[in-house]
N, C-alpha and C. Protein backbone atom coordinates (compact mmCIF):
# COMPACT_ATOMS: atom_id res chain seq x y z
N MET A 1 -10.72 -11.17 6.58
CA MET A 1 -9.40 -11.58 6.30
C MET A 1 -9.08 -12.81 7.16
N LYS A 2 -8.21 -13.65 6.64
CA LYS A 2 -7.84 -14.85 7.33
C LYS A 2 -6.94 -14.52 8.50
N ASP A 3 -6.74 -15.46 9.45
CA ASP A 3 -5.93 -15.16 10.62
C ASP A 3 -4.51 -14.84 10.17
N ASP A 4 -3.82 -14.05 11.08
CA ASP A 4 -2.49 -13.52 10.76
C ASP A 4 -1.46 -14.58 10.40
N LYS A 5 -1.44 -15.69 11.07
CA LYS A 5 -0.45 -16.68 10.83
C LYS A 5 -0.53 -17.24 9.37
N LYS A 6 -1.74 -17.39 8.90
CA LYS A 6 -1.91 -17.86 7.53
C LYS A 6 -1.63 -16.72 6.51
N GLN A 7 -1.89 -15.47 6.95
CA GLN A 7 -1.70 -14.31 6.06
C GLN A 7 -0.31 -13.71 6.16
N GLY A 8 0.47 -14.03 7.17
CA GLY A 8 1.71 -13.39 7.41
C GLY A 8 2.93 -13.97 6.65
N VAL A 9 4.07 -13.61 7.15
CA VAL A 9 5.35 -13.96 6.54
C VAL A 9 5.48 -15.48 6.35
N GLU A 10 4.98 -16.22 7.39
CA GLU A 10 5.15 -17.67 7.32
C GLU A 10 4.59 -18.28 6.05
N ASN A 11 3.55 -17.62 5.51
CA ASN A 11 2.92 -18.11 4.34
C ASN A 11 3.60 -17.73 3.01
N VAL A 12 4.58 -16.77 3.05
CA VAL A 12 5.16 -16.31 1.82
C VAL A 12 6.71 -16.41 1.82
N SER A 13 7.35 -16.75 2.94
CA SER A 13 8.79 -16.81 3.01
C SER A 13 9.38 -17.95 2.19
N ALA A 14 10.51 -17.63 1.56
CA ALA A 14 11.30 -18.65 0.83
C ALA A 14 10.49 -19.38 -0.26
N GLN A 15 9.62 -18.65 -0.96
CA GLN A 15 8.90 -19.23 -2.06
C GLN A 15 8.42 -18.09 -3.00
N PRO A 16 8.35 -18.37 -4.28
CA PRO A 16 7.87 -17.30 -5.21
C PRO A 16 6.37 -17.09 -5.03
N VAL A 17 5.98 -15.81 -5.10
CA VAL A 17 4.58 -15.48 -4.93
C VAL A 17 4.25 -14.32 -5.88
N MET A 18 2.99 -14.20 -6.19
CA MET A 18 2.47 -13.02 -6.92
C MET A 18 1.88 -12.09 -5.90
N LEU A 19 2.49 -10.91 -5.70
CA LEU A 19 2.03 -9.97 -4.69
C LEU A 19 0.55 -9.66 -4.84
N VAL A 20 0.14 -9.38 -6.06
CA VAL A 20 -1.27 -8.99 -6.34
C VAL A 20 -2.26 -10.03 -5.88
N ASP A 21 -1.80 -11.29 -5.77
CA ASP A 21 -2.75 -12.38 -5.37
C ASP A 21 -2.77 -12.59 -3.83
N LEU A 22 -1.91 -11.89 -3.10
CA LEU A 22 -1.81 -12.07 -1.64
C LEU A 22 -2.85 -11.31 -0.85
N ILE A 23 -3.64 -10.46 -1.51
CA ILE A 23 -4.64 -9.68 -0.87
C ILE A 23 -5.84 -9.56 -1.78
N GLU A 24 -7.07 -9.54 -1.18
CA GLU A 24 -8.28 -9.46 -1.94
C GLU A 24 -9.02 -8.19 -1.63
N TYR A 25 -9.79 -7.70 -2.60
CA TYR A 25 -10.67 -6.52 -2.40
C TYR A 25 -11.82 -6.94 -1.52
N GLN A 26 -12.31 -5.92 -0.73
CA GLN A 26 -13.53 -6.10 -0.01
C GLN A 26 -14.39 -4.85 -0.24
N GLU A 27 -15.65 -5.08 -0.55
CA GLU A 27 -16.56 -3.99 -0.96
C GLU A 27 -16.59 -2.91 0.11
N GLY A 28 -16.39 -1.66 -0.30
CA GLY A 28 -16.48 -0.52 0.59
C GLY A 28 -15.37 -0.44 1.61
N SER A 29 -14.25 -1.14 1.42
CA SER A 29 -13.21 -1.22 2.46
C SER A 29 -11.83 -0.97 1.91
N VAL A 30 -10.94 -0.77 2.87
CA VAL A 30 -9.49 -0.81 2.62
C VAL A 30 -8.97 -1.98 3.46
N VAL A 31 -8.25 -2.90 2.77
CA VAL A 31 -7.76 -4.09 3.40
C VAL A 31 -6.24 -3.98 3.39
N SER A 32 -5.58 -4.39 4.51
CA SER A 32 -4.13 -4.39 4.51
C SER A 32 -3.54 -5.74 5.00
N ARG A 33 -2.39 -6.04 4.60
CA ARG A 33 -1.69 -7.28 5.00
C ARG A 33 -0.21 -6.95 5.14
N THR A 34 0.34 -7.11 6.35
CA THR A 34 1.72 -6.86 6.58
C THR A 34 2.56 -8.07 6.13
N ILE A 35 3.51 -7.79 5.31
CA ILE A 35 4.42 -8.86 4.77
C ILE A 35 5.68 -8.89 5.63
N ILE A 36 6.25 -7.73 5.94
CA ILE A 36 7.43 -7.62 6.77
C ILE A 36 7.24 -6.47 7.74
N ASP A 37 7.55 -6.70 9.01
CA ASP A 37 7.46 -5.70 10.04
C ASP A 37 8.67 -5.78 10.90
N LYS A 38 9.67 -4.92 10.60
CA LYS A 38 10.93 -4.93 11.30
C LYS A 38 11.13 -3.53 11.90
N GLU A 39 12.08 -3.38 12.80
CA GLU A 39 12.41 -2.13 13.40
C GLU A 39 12.82 -1.10 12.34
N THR A 40 13.45 -1.56 11.31
CA THR A 40 14.03 -0.69 10.28
C THR A 40 13.16 -0.44 9.05
N ALA A 41 12.09 -1.31 8.85
CA ALA A 41 11.29 -1.16 7.71
C ALA A 41 9.98 -1.97 7.83
N THR A 42 8.98 -1.54 7.07
CA THR A 42 7.73 -2.35 6.95
C THR A 42 7.39 -2.49 5.47
N VAL A 43 6.81 -3.64 5.15
CA VAL A 43 6.31 -3.88 3.78
C VAL A 43 4.88 -4.35 3.98
N THR A 44 3.93 -3.60 3.36
CA THR A 44 2.52 -3.87 3.59
C THR A 44 1.78 -3.80 2.25
N LEU A 45 0.94 -4.80 2.05
CA LEU A 45 0.01 -4.77 0.90
C LEU A 45 -1.30 -4.11 1.28
N PHE A 46 -1.89 -3.37 0.34
CA PHE A 46 -3.21 -2.79 0.59
C PHE A 46 -4.07 -3.08 -0.62
N ALA A 47 -5.36 -3.24 -0.41
CA ALA A 47 -6.39 -3.32 -1.44
C ALA A 47 -7.50 -2.30 -1.11
N PHE A 48 -7.74 -1.38 -1.99
CA PHE A 48 -8.76 -0.31 -1.78
C PHE A 48 -9.88 -0.52 -2.75
N ASP A 49 -11.12 -0.50 -2.23
CA ASP A 49 -12.26 -0.53 -3.11
C ASP A 49 -12.38 0.87 -3.74
N GLU A 50 -13.02 0.96 -4.89
CA GLU A 50 -13.21 2.24 -5.60
C GLU A 50 -13.75 3.28 -4.64
N GLY A 51 -13.17 4.47 -4.68
CA GLY A 51 -13.60 5.59 -3.82
C GLY A 51 -13.06 5.59 -2.45
N GLN A 52 -12.42 4.51 -2.02
CA GLN A 52 -11.83 4.47 -0.71
C GLN A 52 -10.43 5.13 -0.72
N GLY A 53 -9.97 5.48 0.46
CA GLY A 53 -8.65 6.12 0.51
C GLY A 53 -8.10 6.22 1.90
N LEU A 54 -7.02 6.94 1.96
CA LEU A 54 -6.37 7.29 3.26
C LEU A 54 -6.38 8.78 3.32
N SER A 55 -6.87 9.37 4.37
CA SER A 55 -6.97 10.79 4.49
C SER A 55 -5.54 11.40 4.66
N GLU A 56 -5.45 12.68 4.48
CA GLU A 56 -4.17 13.32 4.53
C GLU A 56 -3.50 13.15 5.92
N HIS A 57 -2.24 12.80 5.88
CA HIS A 57 -1.44 12.61 7.10
C HIS A 57 0.02 12.76 6.75
N THR A 58 0.86 12.75 7.73
CA THR A 58 2.31 12.79 7.53
C THR A 58 2.95 11.54 8.21
N ALA A 59 4.10 11.18 7.79
CA ALA A 59 4.87 10.10 8.42
C ALA A 59 6.32 10.57 8.51
N PRO A 60 6.98 10.12 9.57
CA PRO A 60 8.36 10.56 9.80
C PRO A 60 9.42 9.92 8.90
N PHE A 61 8.96 9.07 7.97
CA PHE A 61 9.90 8.34 7.14
C PHE A 61 9.42 8.35 5.71
N ASP A 62 10.37 8.19 4.73
CA ASP A 62 10.00 8.03 3.32
C ASP A 62 9.18 6.77 3.15
N ALA A 63 8.25 6.75 2.22
CA ALA A 63 7.47 5.60 1.91
C ALA A 63 7.35 5.49 0.40
N LEU A 64 7.53 4.26 -0.12
CA LEU A 64 7.41 4.00 -1.51
C LEU A 64 6.09 3.27 -1.76
N VAL A 65 5.29 3.78 -2.70
CA VAL A 65 4.06 3.18 -3.14
C VAL A 65 4.24 2.55 -4.52
N HIS A 66 4.00 1.30 -4.68
CA HIS A 66 4.05 0.65 -5.99
C HIS A 66 2.65 0.11 -6.27
N THR A 67 2.05 0.64 -7.32
CA THR A 67 0.70 0.23 -7.73
C THR A 67 0.73 -1.13 -8.42
N LEU A 68 0.04 -2.06 -7.85
CA LEU A 68 0.01 -3.46 -8.41
C LEU A 68 -1.22 -3.71 -9.32
N ASP A 69 -2.27 -2.91 -9.11
CA ASP A 69 -3.52 -3.14 -9.89
C ASP A 69 -4.32 -1.83 -9.76
N GLY A 70 -5.10 -1.52 -10.75
CA GLY A 70 -6.06 -0.38 -10.67
C GLY A 70 -5.44 0.94 -10.86
N GLU A 71 -6.16 1.95 -10.30
CA GLU A 71 -5.76 3.35 -10.44
C GLU A 71 -6.00 4.12 -9.10
N VAL A 72 -5.04 4.95 -8.83
CA VAL A 72 -5.12 5.77 -7.54
C VAL A 72 -4.63 7.20 -7.84
N GLU A 73 -5.10 8.08 -7.04
CA GLU A 73 -4.58 9.45 -6.97
C GLU A 73 -3.79 9.58 -5.70
N VAL A 74 -2.56 9.95 -5.78
CA VAL A 74 -1.73 10.22 -4.60
C VAL A 74 -1.49 11.69 -4.56
N THR A 75 -1.77 12.29 -3.43
CA THR A 75 -1.56 13.72 -3.24
C THR A 75 -0.46 13.88 -2.26
N ILE A 76 0.58 14.67 -2.61
CA ILE A 76 1.69 14.97 -1.80
C ILE A 76 1.87 16.48 -1.76
N SER A 77 1.75 17.05 -0.56
CA SER A 77 1.90 18.50 -0.42
C SER A 77 1.05 19.26 -1.41
N ASP A 78 -0.21 18.90 -1.53
CA ASP A 78 -1.21 19.58 -2.36
C ASP A 78 -0.99 19.35 -3.86
N LYS A 79 -0.12 18.45 -4.28
CA LYS A 79 0.10 18.16 -5.70
C LYS A 79 -0.43 16.73 -5.92
N THR A 80 -1.28 16.51 -6.92
CA THR A 80 -1.89 15.21 -7.17
C THR A 80 -1.21 14.53 -8.32
N PHE A 81 -0.94 13.22 -8.10
CA PHE A 81 -0.29 12.37 -9.11
C PHE A 81 -1.21 11.16 -9.34
N PRO A 82 -1.69 10.98 -10.59
CA PRO A 82 -2.44 9.78 -10.91
C PRO A 82 -1.48 8.62 -11.19
N LEU A 83 -1.70 7.48 -10.60
CA LEU A 83 -0.88 6.31 -10.84
C LEU A 83 -1.70 5.15 -11.32
N LYS A 84 -1.16 4.38 -12.24
CA LYS A 84 -1.77 3.17 -12.73
C LYS A 84 -0.89 1.96 -12.44
N LYS A 85 -1.44 0.80 -12.77
CA LYS A 85 -0.72 -0.45 -12.50
C LYS A 85 0.72 -0.34 -13.02
N GLY A 86 1.68 -0.74 -12.15
CA GLY A 86 3.06 -0.80 -12.52
C GLY A 86 3.82 0.49 -12.17
N GLU A 87 3.12 1.56 -11.86
CA GLU A 87 3.81 2.82 -11.53
C GLU A 87 4.03 2.91 -10.02
N MET A 88 5.04 3.73 -9.68
CA MET A 88 5.36 3.93 -8.24
C MET A 88 5.68 5.40 -8.00
N ILE A 89 5.63 5.73 -6.69
CA ILE A 89 5.96 7.09 -6.27
C ILE A 89 6.54 6.99 -4.85
N ILE A 90 7.43 7.91 -4.56
CA ILE A 90 7.98 8.00 -3.18
C ILE A 90 7.31 9.19 -2.51
N MET A 91 6.72 8.91 -1.35
CA MET A 91 6.14 9.96 -0.52
C MET A 91 7.21 10.38 0.48
N PRO A 92 7.75 11.60 0.38
CA PRO A 92 8.86 11.99 1.22
C PRO A 92 8.42 12.16 2.72
N ALA A 93 9.34 11.90 3.62
CA ALA A 93 9.12 12.02 5.02
C ALA A 93 8.61 13.43 5.32
N ASN A 94 7.69 13.48 6.28
CA ASN A 94 7.22 14.75 6.86
C ASN A 94 6.47 15.67 5.87
N GLN A 95 6.09 15.14 4.69
CA GLN A 95 5.24 15.89 3.77
C GLN A 95 3.82 15.33 3.84
N PRO A 96 2.79 16.14 3.94
CA PRO A 96 1.44 15.63 3.99
C PRO A 96 1.12 14.90 2.68
N HIS A 97 0.45 13.74 2.87
CA HIS A 97 0.06 12.95 1.69
C HIS A 97 -1.25 12.26 1.99
N ALA A 98 -1.94 11.88 0.88
CA ALA A 98 -3.24 11.16 0.92
C ALA A 98 -3.34 10.31 -0.31
N LEU A 99 -4.23 9.29 -0.24
CA LEU A 99 -4.50 8.42 -1.38
C LEU A 99 -5.96 8.28 -1.57
N LYS A 100 -6.41 8.17 -2.82
CA LYS A 100 -7.84 7.89 -3.14
C LYS A 100 -7.90 6.98 -4.32
N ALA A 101 -8.64 5.89 -4.21
CA ALA A 101 -8.82 4.92 -5.27
C ALA A 101 -9.74 5.49 -6.35
N ILE A 102 -9.22 5.69 -7.55
CA ILE A 102 -10.07 6.11 -8.68
C ILE A 102 -10.85 4.89 -9.20
N LYS A 103 -10.17 3.78 -9.28
CA LYS A 103 -10.74 2.47 -9.52
C LYS A 103 -10.20 1.59 -8.39
N ARG A 104 -10.75 0.44 -8.21
CA ARG A 104 -10.17 -0.48 -7.20
C ARG A 104 -8.68 -0.53 -7.49
N PHE A 105 -7.93 -0.55 -6.42
CA PHE A 105 -6.46 -0.66 -6.66
C PHE A 105 -5.81 -1.37 -5.48
N LYS A 106 -4.65 -2.00 -5.86
CA LYS A 106 -3.83 -2.67 -4.91
C LYS A 106 -2.44 -2.02 -4.92
N MET A 107 -1.82 -1.90 -3.77
CA MET A 107 -0.49 -1.30 -3.73
C MET A 107 0.42 -2.02 -2.73
N LEU A 108 1.68 -1.92 -2.97
CA LEU A 108 2.69 -2.37 -2.03
C LEU A 108 3.29 -1.11 -1.42
N LEU A 109 3.31 -1.03 -0.14
CA LEU A 109 3.84 0.13 0.56
C LEU A 109 5.09 -0.29 1.31
N ILE A 110 6.21 0.34 1.02
CA ILE A 110 7.47 0.08 1.70
C ILE A 110 7.92 1.29 2.44
N MET A 111 7.99 1.15 3.78
CA MET A 111 8.44 2.30 4.57
C MET A 111 9.78 1.94 5.19
N ILE A 112 10.73 2.80 4.96
CA ILE A 112 12.08 2.65 5.51
C ILE A 112 12.17 3.56 6.74
N ARG A 113 12.44 2.96 7.89
CA ARG A 113 12.54 3.73 9.15
C ARG A 113 13.98 4.03 9.52
N SER A 114 14.54 5.08 8.98
CA SER A 114 15.90 5.47 9.32
C SER A 114 16.11 6.93 9.11
């Protein structure tokens, strides 16, 4: 990944951008890029190679996942939801959740800290 100053907010502020183009896939990896990091919220892009994921965990805040490309399975409290490009889901605070890329996928994660 390029250095943070070229990848960060400075590179995308006050101009139109295509979110899906702001992050690239890497073979066998999960790549992330923080777009906004404030005390009250974070906005992060992720690119998951096929088969990659995030293991089950909890977060103290609600998080919105918007699928920008590909396919993912999101599991929340032992219930699995398949998502495709353009779909979103809210992962409620304090509920265990996990993600697994069925196909390569990109997502925008918005976490509201309040």
